[in-house]
Amino acid sequence: MDINAGNINALTTRINTAFNKRLEVVAPTWNRFSMEIPSTAAANFYPRLAELTGLREWKGTRVVHRLSVADRMVITNRKFEGTLAISRDDLDDDQFAFLMPQVDELGQLAGELPDKLVYDKLAEGRTATGIGMDGQPFFDADHPGYDSTASLVSWSNLLTIKAGETAQPWWYVFDTSRGLKPMVYQPRRPFAIVAKTKLTDDNVFWDDEFVWGTDGRCAAGFGFHMYAIATNRPPTGAVFQDIISAMSSQCRRDGTPYGVKPTLVVCPKNLEGALRGLLKTTFVPVLAPDGNTWVTGSNVWADYCDVLAADRLPQAVGA
């Protein structure tokens, strides 16, 4: 290829097109259970909430739920980059067929980054560093809450195995039916290609290389733990009933139920069959009254909620 401004600009146009095309066709899953909150600064500040706001009959003065960031959770934006270079000699000798597949892969990785950040943060929520909006680990055994009698209680959204059960890979249950979601994706600056290809650019003049790179800023964080449960218990009807009971037991401080219910199960690939069998099968084998014969019966959990088998969830027990 002749090294001139026209040819280099045409190559940059091809690189931009390939990158953006791949970026657009990536199918994310983070948006199934996360809310997107754009950022215009180095970090976003979120108020810590003792409870979710609600409506009440107006008697006396108003009850104010202050959304102050004085006591706040911070999600700090992170910066990511990917850079490719090719020597002037390789361009001159038409040895750059490998460049476009690399650009395509860079676009794929940029498109997948929100998923990576959200799923990594989801796993961190089971650890001591994964602090949520109430100042405790996002998945915790003793979140402060209220029951239907307006009594202060501990509420757990971390359901670990019971005696006699075999531990499974971690899977998650969310209520995604509301405007507020369990997780947060926070975009700051989108990814775009920047070219350093002028013959007078330092990298060309000093190092005899043409360089293309992309960078962006974004972050992921925790939303509302009331809408999320993590469990490593077996995916059975009895366990799913426990999850429904745990979610629906949450109330405001006046004893009014939040009305939280499962709408989405997110699981690793090796639990997909079991959970689809539990939640998406119309008929299941049931034991007849004689105690010996199996017959076809209706599945009480059929289509109770959606199932998302996520590639990014680890399939190993304990991971």
C-alpha atoms as a PDB file:
ATOM      1  CA  MET A   1       0.000   0.000   0.000  1.00  0.00           C
ATOM      2  CA  ASP A   2       1.313   3.432  -0.875  1.00  0.00           C
ATOM      3  CA  ILE A   3       1.824   5.384   2.319  1.00  0.00           C
ATOM      4  CA  ASN A   4      -0.041   8.620   1.764  1.00  0.00           C
ATOM      5  CA  ALA A   5      -2.719  10.592   3.587  1.00  0.00           C
ATOM      6  CA  GLY A   6      -5.540   9.363   1.367  1.00  0.00           C
ATOM      7  CA  ASN A   7      -4.768   5.670   1.809  1.00  0.00           C
ATOM      8  CA  ILE A   8      -4.163   5.990   5.542  1.00  0.00           C
ATOM      9  CA  ASN A   9      -7.414   7.925   6.022  1.00  0.00           C
ATOM     10  CA  ALA A  10      -9.294   5.273   4.054  1.00  0.00           C
ATOM     11  CA  LEU A  11      -7.797   2.562   6.272  1.00  0.00           C
ATOM     12  CA  THR A  12      -8.817   4.498   9.376  1.00  0.00           C
ATOM     13  CA  THR A  13     -12.370   4.730   8.020  1.00  0.00           C
ATOM     14  CA  ARG A  14     -12.424   0.941   7.563  1.00  0.00           C
ATOM     15  CA  ILE A  15     -11.125   0.486  11.114  1.00  0.00           C
ATOM     16  CA  ASN A  16     -13.786   2.808  12.534  1.00  0.00           C
ATOM     17  CA  THR A  17     -16.527   1.021  10.608  1.00  0.00           C
ATOM     18  CA  ALA A  18     -15.393  -2.439  11.713  1.00  0.00           C
ATOM     19  CA  PHE A  19     -15.039  -1.364  15.336  1.00  0.00           C
ATOM     20  CA  ASN A  20     -18.427   0.358  15.528  1.00  0.00           C
ATOM     21  CA  LYS A  21     -20.211  -2.450  13.691  1.00  0.00           C
ATOM     22  CA  ARG A  22     -18.923  -5.020  16.152  1.00  0.00           C
ATOM     23  CA  LEU A  23     -19.660  -2.724  19.091  1.00  0.00           C
ATOM     24  CA  GLU A  24     -23.292  -2.444  17.996  1.00  0.00           C
ATOM     25  CA  VAL A  25     -23.984  -6.141  17.458  1.00  0.00           C
ATOM     26  CA  VAL A  26     -22.847  -7.288  20.893  1.00  0.00           C
ATOM     27  CA  ALA A  27     -25.913  -8.498  22.805  1.00  0.00           C
ATOM     28  CA  PRO A  28     -25.465  -7.565  26.495  1.00  0.00           C
ATOM     29  CA  THR A  29     -27.343  -9.110  29.405  1.00  0.00           C
ATOM     30  CA  TRP A  30     -26.445  -6.650  32.184  1.00  0.00           C
ATOM     31  CA  ASN A  31     -29.495  -4.562  31.224  1.00  0.00           C
ATOM     32  CA  ARG A  32     -31.838  -7.401  32.176  1.00  0.00           C
ATOM     33  CA  PHE A  33     -31.308  -6.644  35.883  1.00  0.00           C
ATOM     34  CA  SER A  34     -29.400  -3.352  36.064  1.00  0.00           C
ATOM     35  CA  MET A  35     -30.280   0.307  35.680  1.00  0.00           C
ATOM     36  CA  GLU A  36     -28.164   2.632  33.568  1.00  0.00           C
ATOM     37  CA  ILE A  37     -27.271   5.866  35.330  1.00  0.00           C
ATOM     38  CA  PRO A  38     -25.069   8.144  33.198  1.00  0.00           C
ATOM     39  CA  SER A  39     -22.175   9.970  34.801  1.00  0.00           C
ATOM     40  CA  THR A  40     -20.793  13.429  34.072  1.00  0.00           C
ATOM     41  CA  ALA A  41     -17.987  13.482  36.639  1.00  0.00           C
ATOM     42  CA  ALA A  42     -15.201  11.333  38.041  1.00  0.00           C
ATOM     43  CA  ALA A  43     -17.708   9.566  40.291  1.00  0.00           C
ATOM     44  CA  ASN A  44     -21.412   9.411  41.070  1.00  0.00           C
ATOM     45  CA  PHE A  45     -22.720   9.713  44.616  1.00  0.00           C
ATOM     46  CA  TYR A  46     -25.759   7.701  45.665  1.00  0.00           C
ATOM     47  CA  PRO A  47     -27.710   8.148  48.907  1.00  0.00           C
ATOM     48  CA  ARG A  48     -27.804   5.292  51.374  1.00  0.00           C
ATOM     49  CA  LEU A  49     -31.440   4.330  51.872  1.00  0.00           C
ATOM     50  CA  ALA A  50     -32.818   2.724  55.018  1.00  0.00           C
ATOM     51  CA  GLU A  51     -35.968   1.766  53.123  1.00  0.00           C
ATOM     52  CA  LEU A  52     -37.661   2.317  49.793  1.00  0.00           C
ATOM     53  CA  THR A  53     -40.046   5.229  49.623  1.00  0.00           C
ATOM     54  CA  GLY A  54     -43.785   4.647  49.488  1.00  0.00           C
ATOM     55  CA  LEU A  55     -47.129   6.400  49.617  1.00  0.00           C
ATOM     56  CA  ARG A  56     -49.122   6.890  52.822  1.00  0.00           C
ATOM     57  CA  GLU A  57     -52.386   8.521  53.752  1.00  0.00           C
ATOM     58  CA  TRP A  58     -51.562  12.113  54.595  1.00  0.00           C
ATOM     59  CA  LYS A  59     -52.273  12.599  58.268  1.00  0.00           C
ATOM     60  CA  GLY A  60     -50.402  15.331  60.072  1.00  0.00           C
ATOM     61  CA  THR A  61     -47.127  16.505  58.600  1.00  0.00           C
ATOM     62  CA  ARG A  62     -45.360  14.780  55.736  1.00  0.00           C
ATOM     63  CA  VAL A  63     -42.897  11.934  56.373  1.00  0.00           C
ATOM     64  CA  VAL A  64     -39.792  12.889  54.401  1.00  0.00           C
ATOM     65  CA  HIS A  65     -37.443  10.340  52.845  1.00  0.00           C
ATOM     66  CA  ARG A  66     -34.343  12.473  52.351  1.00  0.00           C
ATOM     67  CA  LEU A  67     -32.130  11.500  49.402  1.00  0.00           C
ATOM     68  CA  SER A  68     -29.008  13.085  50.817  1.00  0.00           C
ATOM     69  CA  VAL A  69     -25.551  12.179  49.574  1.00  0.00           C
ATOM     70  CA  ALA A  70     -24.003  13.314  52.858  1.00  0.00           C
ATOM     71  CA  ASP A  71     -24.201   9.660  53.887  1.00  0.00           C
ATOM     72  CA  ARG A  72     -23.430   8.216  50.514  1.00  0.00           C
ATOM     73  CA  MET A  73     -22.231   5.373  48.386  1.00  0.00           C
ATOM     74  CA  VAL A  74     -19.695   6.282  45.711  1.00  0.00           C
ATOM     75  CA  ILE A  75     -19.271   4.613  42.319  1.00  0.00           C
ATOM     76  CA  THR A  76     -16.007   5.851  40.841  1.00  0.00           C
ATOM     77  CA  ASN A  77     -15.571   5.684  37.094  1.00  0.00           C
ATOM     78  CA  ARG A  78     -12.778   3.562  35.690  1.00  0.00           C
ATOM     79  CA  LYS A  79     -10.831   4.128  32.486  1.00  0.00           C
ATOM     80  CA  PHE A  80     -10.159   1.370  29.953  1.00  0.00           C
ATOM     81  CA  GLU A  81      -8.125   1.327  26.757  1.00  0.00           C
ATOM     82  CA  GLY A  82      -7.083  -0.937  23.912  1.00  0.00           C
ATOM     83  CA  THR A  83      -4.357   0.009  21.433  1.00  0.00           C
ATOM     84  CA  LEU A  84      -3.119  -1.545  18.184  1.00  0.00           C
ATOM     85  CA  ALA A  85      -0.019  -0.653  16.194  1.00  0.00           C
ATOM     86  CA  ILE A  86       1.387  -1.789  12.873  1.00  0.00           C
ATOM     87  CA  SER A  87       4.767  -0.953  11.416  1.00  0.00           C
ATOM     88  CA  ARG A  88       5.077   1.294   8.409  1.00  0.00           C
ATOM     89  CA  ASP A  89       6.991  -1.448   6.620  1.00  0.00           C
ATOM     90  CA  ASP A  90       4.102  -3.932   7.060  1.00  0.00           C
ATOM     91  CA  LEU A  91       1.664  -1.406   5.629  1.00  0.00           C
ATOM     92  CA  ASP A  92       4.031  -0.579   2.819  1.00  0.00           C
ATOM     93  CA  ASP A  93       4.356  -4.314   1.999  1.00  0.00           C
ATOM     94  CA  ASP A  94       0.594  -4.994   2.291  1.00  0.00           C
ATOM     95  CA  GLN A  95       1.142  -7.249   5.305  1.00  0.00           C
ATOM     96  CA  PHE A  96      -1.828  -6.062   7.343  1.00  0.00           C
ATOM     97  CA  ALA A  97      -4.599  -8.586   6.677  1.00  0.00           C
ATOM     98  CA  PHE A  98      -4.507  -9.497  10.380  1.00  0.00           C
ATOM     99  CA  LEU A  99      -5.299  -5.915  11.405  1.00  0.00           C
ATOM    100  CA  MET A 100      -9.063  -5.937  10.744  1.00  0.00           C
ATOM    101  CA  PRO A 101      -9.787  -9.116  12.769  1.00  0.00           C
ATOM    102  CA  GLN A 102      -7.912  -7.515  15.675  1.00  0.00           C
ATOM    103  CA  VAL A 103     -10.026  -4.367  15.336  1.00  0.00           C
ATOM    104  CA  ASP A 104     -13.149  -6.520  15.239  1.00  0.00           C
ATOM    105  CA  GLU A 105     -12.073  -8.247  18.453  1.00  0.00           C
ATOM    106  CA  LEU A 106     -11.373  -4.889  20.101  1.00  0.00           C
ATOM    107  CA  GLY A 107     -14.927  -3.798  19.290  1.00  0.00           C
ATOM    108  CA  GLN A 108     -16.264  -7.060  20.710  1.00  0.00           C
ATOM    109  CA  LEU A 109     -14.382  -6.557  23.978  1.00  0.00           C
ATOM    110  CA  ALA A 110     -15.551  -2.944  24.263  1.00  0.00           C
ATOM    111  CA  GLY A 111     -19.146  -4.059  23.737  1.00  0.00           C
ATOM    112  CA  GLU A 112     -18.813  -6.806  26.340  1.00  0.00           C
ATOM    113  CA  LEU A 113     -17.149  -4.627  28.986  1.00  0.00           C
ATOM    114  CA  PRO A 114     -20.414  -3.522  30.683  1.00  0.00           C
ATOM    115  CA  ASP A 115     -21.345  -7.191  31.171  1.00  0.00           C
ATOM    116  CA  LYS A 116     -17.932  -7.946  32.611  1.00  0.00           C
ATOM    117  CA  LEU A 117     -18.104  -5.061  35.079  1.00  0.00           C
ATOM    118  CA  VAL A 118     -21.650  -5.826  36.239  1.00  0.00           C
ATOM    119  CA  TYR A 119     -21.092  -9.577  36.672  1.00  0.00           C
ATOM    120  CA  ASP A 120     -17.777  -9.003  38.461  1.00  0.00           C
ATOM    121  CA  LYS A 121     -19.524  -6.613  40.828  1.00  0.00           C
ATOM    122  CA  LEU A 122     -22.344  -9.108  41.341  1.00  0.00           C
ATOM    123  CA  ALA A 123     -19.836 -11.718  42.560  1.00  0.00           C
ATOM    124  CA  GLU A 124     -18.148  -9.128  44.777  1.00  0.00           C
ATOM    125  CA  GLY A 125     -21.501  -8.538  46.454  1.00  0.00           C
ATOM    126  CA  ARG A 126     -21.048 -11.812  48.353  1.00  0.00           C
ATOM    127  CA  THR A 127     -17.800 -10.560  49.923  1.00  0.00           C
ATOM    128  CA  ALA A 128     -16.913  -8.090  52.659  1.00  0.00           C
ATOM    129  CA  THR A 129     -15.762  -5.509  50.083  1.00  0.00           C
ATOM    130  CA  GLY A 130     -19.040  -5.532  48.160  1.00  0.00           C
ATOM    131  CA  ILE A 131     -20.754  -2.820  50.184  1.00  0.00           C
ATOM    132  CA  GLY A 132     -24.230  -1.809  49.070  1.00  0.00           C
ATOM    133  CA  MET A 133     -26.495   1.164  49.664  1.00  0.00           C
ATOM    134  CA  ASP A 134     -27.273   0.254  53.277  1.00  0.00           C
ATOM    135  CA  GLY A 135     -23.589   0.154  54.264  1.00  0.00           C
ATOM    136  CA  GLN A 136     -23.482  -3.657  54.459  1.00  0.00           C
ATOM    137  CA  PRO A 137     -22.375  -6.313  51.963  1.00  0.00           C
ATOM    138  CA  PHE A 138     -24.877  -6.343  49.109  1.00  0.00           C
ATOM    139  CA  PHE A 139     -25.647 -10.009  49.733  1.00  0.00           C
ATOM    140  CA  ASP A 140     -25.818 -10.358  53.499  1.00  0.00           C
ATOM    141  CA  ALA A 141     -27.525 -12.512  56.116  1.00  0.00           C
ATOM    142  CA  ASP A 142     -28.626  -9.628  58.337  1.00  0.00           C
ATOM    143  CA  HIS A 143     -29.822  -6.599  56.419  1.00  0.00           C
ATOM    144  CA  PRO A 144     -31.982  -4.428  58.684  1.00  0.00           C
ATOM    145  CA  GLY A 145     -35.618  -4.510  57.641  1.00  0.00           C
ATOM    146  CA  TYR A 146     -39.192  -4.618  58.852  1.00  0.00           C
ATOM    147  CA  ASP A 147     -41.871  -7.288  58.940  1.00  0.00           C
ATOM    148  CA  SER A 148     -45.646  -7.045  58.607  1.00  0.00           C
ATOM    149  CA  THR A 149     -45.968  -6.089  62.292  1.00  0.00           C
ATOM    150  CA  ALA A 150     -43.665  -3.083  61.728  1.00  0.00           C
ATOM    151  CA  SER A 151     -41.031  -4.749  63.900  1.00  0.00           C
ATOM    152  CA  LEU A 152     -37.335  -4.313  63.108  1.00  0.00           C
ATOM    153  CA  VAL A 153     -35.925  -7.633  61.865  1.00  0.00           C
ATOM    154  CA  SER A 154     -32.894  -9.031  60.099  1.00  0.00           C
ATOM    155  CA  TRP A 155     -33.487  -9.964  56.492  1.00  0.00           C
ATOM    156  CA  SER A 156     -31.199 -12.225  54.487  1.00  0.00           C
ATOM    157  CA  ASN A 157     -30.690 -12.125  50.741  1.00  0.00           C
ATOM    158  CA  LEU A 158     -27.871 -14.657  50.982  1.00  0.00           C
ATOM    159  CA  LEU A 159     -29.414 -18.130  51.051  1.00  0.00           C
ATOM    160  CA  THR A 160     -26.712 -20.700  51.753  1.00  0.00           C
ATOM    161  CA  ILE A 161     -27.055 -24.471  51.807  1.00  0.00           C
ATOM    162  CA  LYS A 162     -28.904 -26.186  54.615  1.00  0.00           C
ATOM    163  CA  ALA A 163     -28.045 -29.474  56.303  1.00  0.00           C
ATOM    164  CA  GLY A 164     -28.348 -32.369  53.878  1.00  0.00           C
ATOM    165  CA  GLU A 165     -28.142 -30.185  50.764  1.00  0.00           C
ATOM    166  CA  THR A 166     -25.309 -30.268  48.237  1.00  0.00           C
ATOM    167  CA  ALA A 167     -23.720 -26.931  47.413  1.00  0.00           C
ATOM    168  CA  GLN A 168     -24.293 -25.633  43.891  1.00  0.00           C
ATOM    169  CA  PRO A 169     -22.689 -22.847  41.864  1.00  0.00           C
ATOM    170  CA  TRP A 170     -24.058 -19.458  42.865  1.00  0.00           C
ATOM    171  CA  TRP A 171     -27.237 -18.362  41.124  1.00  0.00           C
ATOM    172  CA  TYR A 172     -29.331 -15.253  41.538  1.00  0.00           C
ATOM    173  CA  VAL A 173     -32.973 -14.220  41.649  1.00  0.00           C
ATOM    174  CA  PHE A 174     -34.084 -10.662  40.917  1.00  0.00           C
ATOM    175  CA  ASP A 175     -37.207  -8.535  40.855  1.00  0.00           C
ATOM    176  CA  THR A 176     -36.716  -6.501  37.685  1.00  0.00           C
ATOM    177  CA  SER A 177     -40.285  -5.256  37.366  1.00  0.00           C
ATOM    178  CA  ARG A 178     -39.554  -1.799  38.795  1.00  0.00           C
ATOM    179  CA  GLY A 179     -37.736   1.350  37.789  1.00  0.00           C
ATOM    180  CA  LEU A 180     -35.158   0.741  40.502  1.00  0.00           C
ATOM    181  CA  LYS A 181     -32.996  -2.284  39.781  1.00  0.00           C
ATOM    182  CA  PRO A 182     -30.595  -4.491  41.783  1.00  0.00           C
ATOM    183  CA  MET A 183     -27.447  -3.360  39.934  1.00  0.00           C
ATOM    184  CA  VAL A 184     -26.079  -0.165  38.372  1.00  0.00           C
ATOM    185  CA  TYR A 185     -24.164   0.373  35.149  1.00  0.00           C
ATOM    186  CA  GLN A 186     -22.635   3.833  35.017  1.00  0.00           C
ATOM    187  CA  PRO A 187     -21.347   5.011  31.596  1.00  0.00           C
ATOM    188  CA  ARG A 188     -19.122   8.091  31.514  1.00  0.00           C
ATOM    189  CA  ARG A 189     -17.455   8.216  28.092  1.00  0.00           C
ATOM    190  CA  PRO A 190     -18.248   5.817  25.232  1.00  0.00           C
ATOM    191  CA  PHE A 191     -15.574   3.909  23.355  1.00  0.00           C
ATOM    192  CA  ALA A 192     -14.386   5.353  20.047  1.00  0.00           C
ATOM    193  CA  ILE A 193     -11.360   4.896  17.803  1.00  0.00           C
ATOM    194  CA  VAL A 194      -8.584   7.487  17.884  1.00  0.00           C
ATOM    195  CA  ALA A 195      -5.955   7.395  15.126  1.00  0.00           C
ATOM    196  CA  LYS A 196      -2.318   8.433  15.418  1.00  0.00           C
ATOM    197  CA  THR A 197      -1.484   8.106  11.744  1.00  0.00           C
ATOM    198  CA  LYS A 198      -0.192  11.440  10.503  1.00  0.00           C
ATOM    199  CA  LEU A 199       3.287  11.178   9.042  1.00  0.00           C
ATOM    200  CA  THR A 200       4.312  13.915  11.483  1.00  0.00           C
ATOM    201  CA  ASP A 201       2.913  12.122  14.574  1.00  0.00           C
ATOM    202  CA  ASP A 202       5.705  11.156  16.977  1.00  0.00           C
ATOM    203  CA  ASN A 203       4.917   7.436  16.823  1.00  0.00           C
ATOM    204  CA  VAL A 204       5.262   7.476  13.020  1.00  0.00           C
ATOM    205  CA  PHE A 205       8.286   9.739  12.915  1.00  0.00           C
ATOM    206  CA  TRP A 206      10.284   8.170  15.758  1.00  0.00           C
ATOM    207  CA  ASP A 207       9.066   4.561  15.863  1.00  0.00           C
ATOM    208  CA  ASP A 208       7.859   4.015  12.289  1.00  0.00           C
ATOM    209  CA  GLU A 209       4.458   2.790  13.565  1.00  0.00           C
ATOM    210  CA  PHE A 210       0.862   3.658  12.848  1.00  0.00           C
ATOM    211  CA  VAL A 211      -1.323   3.455  15.930  1.00  0.00           C
ATOM    212  CA  TRP A 212      -5.068   3.156  16.515  1.00  0.00           C
ATOM    213  CA  GLY A 213      -6.603   2.993  19.960  1.00  0.00           C
ATOM    214  CA  THR A 214      -9.868   3.169  21.822  1.00  0.00           C
ATOM    215  CA  ASP A 215     -10.688   4.204  25.349  1.00  0.00           C
ATOM    216  CA  GLY A 216     -13.745   4.734  27.496  1.00  0.00           C
ATOM    217  CA  ARG A 217     -14.820   5.429  31.039  1.00  0.00           C
ATOM    218  CA  CYS A 218     -17.518   3.578  32.963  1.00  0.00           C
ATOM    219  CA  ALA A 219     -18.179   1.616  36.127  1.00  0.00           C
ATOM    220  CA  ALA A 220     -20.620  -0.781  37.755  1.00  0.00           C
ATOM    221  CA  GLY A 221     -22.058  -0.799  41.251  1.00  0.00           C
ATOM    222  CA  PHE A 222     -24.841  -1.974  43.494  1.00  0.00           C
ATOM    223  CA  GLY A 223     -28.446  -0.887  43.331  1.00  0.00           C
ATOM    224  CA  PHE A 224     -31.152  -2.156  45.665  1.00  0.00           C
ATOM    225  CA  HIS A 225     -30.466  -5.330  47.625  1.00  0.00           C
ATOM    226  CA  MET A 226     -34.188  -5.680  48.403  1.00  0.00           C
ATOM    227  CA  TYR A 227     -34.667  -6.864  44.824  1.00  0.00           C
ATOM    228  CA  ALA A 228     -31.904  -9.482  44.780  1.00  0.00           C
ATOM    229  CA  ILE A 229     -31.131 -12.866  46.307  1.00  0.00           C
ATOM    230  CA  ALA A 230     -28.004 -14.998  45.876  1.00  0.00           C
ATOM    231  CA  THR A 231     -28.063 -18.690  46.670  1.00  0.00           C
ATOM    232  CA  ASN A 232     -25.932 -21.794  46.324  1.00  0.00           C
ATOM    233  CA  ARG A 233     -28.781 -24.121  47.289  1.00  0.00           C
ATOM    234  CA  PRO A 234     -30.081 -26.735  44.819  1.00  0.00           C
ATOM    235  CA  PRO A 235     -32.507 -25.403  42.158  1.00  0.00           C
ATOM    236  CA  THR A 236     -35.616 -27.170  43.443  1.00  0.00           C
ATOM    237  CA  GLY A 237     -39.216 -26.156  43.982  1.00  0.00           C
ATOM    238  CA  ALA A 238     -38.731 -26.096  47.754  1.00  0.00           C
ATOM    239  CA  VAL A 239     -35.771 -23.731  47.466  1.00  0.00           C
ATOM    240  CA  PHE A 240     -37.633 -21.512  45.015  1.00  0.00           C
ATOM    241  CA  GLN A 241     -40.529 -21.334  47.487  1.00  0.00           C
ATOM    242  CA  ASP A 242     -38.059 -20.203  50.181  1.00  0.00           C
ATOM    243  CA  ILE A 243     -36.819 -17.476  47.825  1.00  0.00           C
ATOM    244  CA  ILE A 244     -40.367 -16.274  47.118  1.00  0.00           C
ATOM    245  CA  SER A 245     -41.114 -16.221  50.850  1.00  0.00           C
ATOM    246  CA  ALA A 246     -37.937 -14.289  51.633  1.00  0.00           C
ATOM    247  CA  MET A 247     -38.561 -11.681  48.962  1.00  0.00           C
ATOM    248  CA  SER A 248     -42.226 -11.173  49.759  1.00  0.00           C
ATOM    249  CA  SER A 249     -41.620 -10.893  53.516  1.00  0.00           C
ATOM    250  CA  GLN A 250     -39.997  -7.454  53.173  1.00  0.00           C
ATOM    251  CA  CYS A 251     -42.043  -4.512  54.432  1.00  0.00           C
ATOM    252  CA  ARG A 252     -41.718  -0.810  55.008  1.00  0.00           C
ATOM    253  CA  ARG A 253     -41.311   0.449  58.536  1.00  0.00           C
ATOM    254  CA  ASP A 254     -45.102   0.808  58.837  1.00  0.00           C
ATOM    255  CA  GLY A 255     -45.581  -2.889  57.991  1.00  0.00           C
ATOM    256  CA  THR A 256     -46.761  -2.319  54.407  1.00  0.00           C
ATOM    257  CA  PRO A 257     -45.350  -5.022  52.103  1.00  0.00           C
ATOM    258  CA  TYR A 258     -43.010  -3.874  49.346  1.00  0.00           C
ATOM    259  CA  GLY A 259     -44.549  -6.454  47.046  1.00  0.00           C
ATOM    260  CA  VAL A 260     -41.199  -7.820  45.890  1.00  0.00           C
ATOM    261  CA  LYS A 261     -41.406 -10.968  43.769  1.00  0.00           C
ATOM    262  CA  PRO A 262     -39.041 -12.929  41.516  1.00  0.00           C
ATOM    263  CA  THR A 263     -39.164 -12.032  37.837  1.00  0.00           C
ATOM    264  CA  LEU A 264     -35.740 -13.197  36.634  1.00  0.00           C
ATOM    265  CA  VAL A 265     -33.379 -16.029  37.552  1.00  0.00           C
ATOM    266  CA  VAL A 266     -29.747 -15.582  36.451  1.00  0.00           C
ATOM    267  CA  CYS A 267     -27.693 -18.751  36.587  1.00  0.00           C
ATOM    268  CA  PRO A 268     -24.479 -20.296  35.232  1.00  0.00           C
ATOM    269  CA  LYS A 269     -24.769 -22.471  32.146  1.00  0.00           C
ATOM    270  CA  ASN A 270     -24.522 -25.751  34.060  1.00  0.00           C
ATOM    271  CA  LEU A 271     -27.681 -24.954  36.050  1.00  0.00           C
ATOM    272  CA  GLU A 272     -29.703 -23.841  33.033  1.00  0.00           C
ATOM    273  CA  GLY A 273     -31.308 -27.231  32.409  1.00  0.00           C
ATOM    274  CA  ALA A 274     -32.411 -27.687  36.008  1.00  0.00           C
ATOM    275  CA  LEU A 275     -33.827 -24.178  36.297  1.00  0.00           C
ATOM    276  CA  ARG A 276     -35.582 -24.272  32.936  1.00  0.00           C
ATOM    277  CA  GLY A 277     -37.057 -27.603  33.947  1.00  0.00           C
ATOM    278  CA  LEU A 278     -38.253 -26.022  37.183  1.00  0.00           C
ATOM    279  CA  LEU A 279     -39.571 -22.743  35.776  1.00  0.00           C
ATOM    280  CA  LYS A 280     -40.320 -23.268  32.082  1.00  0.00           C
ATOM    281  CA  THR A 281     -41.775 -26.771  31.852  1.00  0.00           C
ATOM    282  CA  THR A 282     -45.560 -27.065  31.750  1.00  0.00           C
ATOM    283  CA  PHE A 283     -45.756 -30.711  32.818  1.00  0.00           C
ATOM    284  CA  VAL A 284     -43.590 -32.648  35.261  1.00  0.00           C
ATOM    285  CA  PRO A 285     -43.585 -36.210  36.578  1.00  0.00           C
ATOM    286  CA  VAL A 286     -45.389 -36.524  39.919  1.00  0.00           C
ATOM    287  CA  LEU A 287     -45.818 -39.481  42.217  1.00  0.00           C
ATOM    288  CA  ALA A 288     -49.271 -41.048  42.111  1.00  0.00           C
ATOM    289  CA  PRO A 289     -51.254 -41.631  45.334  1.00  0.00           C
ATOM    290  CA  ASP A 290     -50.113 -45.270  45.380  1.00  0.00           C
ATOM    291  CA  GLY A 291     -46.592 -44.052  46.096  1.00  0.00           C
ATOM    292  CA  ASN A 292     -45.094 -46.221  43.363  1.00  0.00           C
ATOM    293  CA  THR A 293     -46.297 -44.891  40.016  1.00  0.00           C
ATOM    294  CA  TRP A 294     -45.079 -41.746  38.306  1.00  0.00           C
ATOM    295  CA  VAL A 295     -47.663 -39.849  36.267  1.00  0.00           C
ATOM    296  CA  THR A 296     -47.728 -36.565  34.358  1.00  0.00           C
ATOM    297  CA  GLY A 297     -48.790 -33.560  36.403  1.00  0.00           C
ATOM    298  CA  SER A 298     -48.884 -29.801  36.108  1.00  0.00           C
ATOM    299  CA  ASN A 299     -45.825 -27.791  37.094  1.00  0.00           C
ATOM    300  CA  VAL A 300     -46.901 -25.210  39.672  1.00  0.00           C
ATOM    301  CA  TRP A 301     -43.813 -23.072  38.878  1.00  0.00           C
ATOM    302  CA  ALA A 302     -44.306 -23.022  35.093  1.00  0.00           C
ATOM    303  CA  ASP A 303     -43.505 -19.566  33.660  1.00  0.00           C
ATOM    304  CA  TYR A 304     -43.260 -18.046  37.122  1.00  0.00           C
ATOM    305  CA  CYS A 305     -40.276 -16.007  35.941  1.00  0.00           C
ATOM    306  CA  ASP A 306     -37.678 -15.811  33.187  1.00  0.00           C
ATOM    307  CA  VAL A 307     -34.377 -17.695  33.180  1.00  0.00           C
ATOM    308  CA  LEU A 308     -31.128 -16.155  31.938  1.00  0.00           C
ATOM    309  CA  ALA A 309     -28.151 -18.510  31.666  1.00  0.00           C
ATOM    310  CA  ALA A 310     -25.136 -16.192  31.786  1.00  0.00           C
ATOM    311  CA  ASP A 311     -21.753 -17.125  30.334  1.00  0.00           C
ATOM    312  CA  ARG A 312     -19.999 -14.897  32.856  1.00  0.00           C
ATOM    313  CA  LEU A 313     -21.262 -16.693  35.951  1.00  0.00           C
ATOM    314  CA  PRO A 314     -18.742 -19.312  37.147  1.00  0.00           C
ATOM    315  CA  GLN A 315     -19.849 -22.927  36.952  1.00  0.00           C
ATOM    316  CA  ALA A 316     -17.583 -24.109  39.765  1.00  0.00           C
ATOM    317  CA  VAL A 317     -18.980 -24.615  43.254  1.00  0.00           C
ATOM    318  CA  GLY A 318     -17.746 -21.878  45.583  1.00  0.00           C
ATOM    319  CA  ALA A 319     -16.462 -19.609  42.800  1.00  0.00           C
END
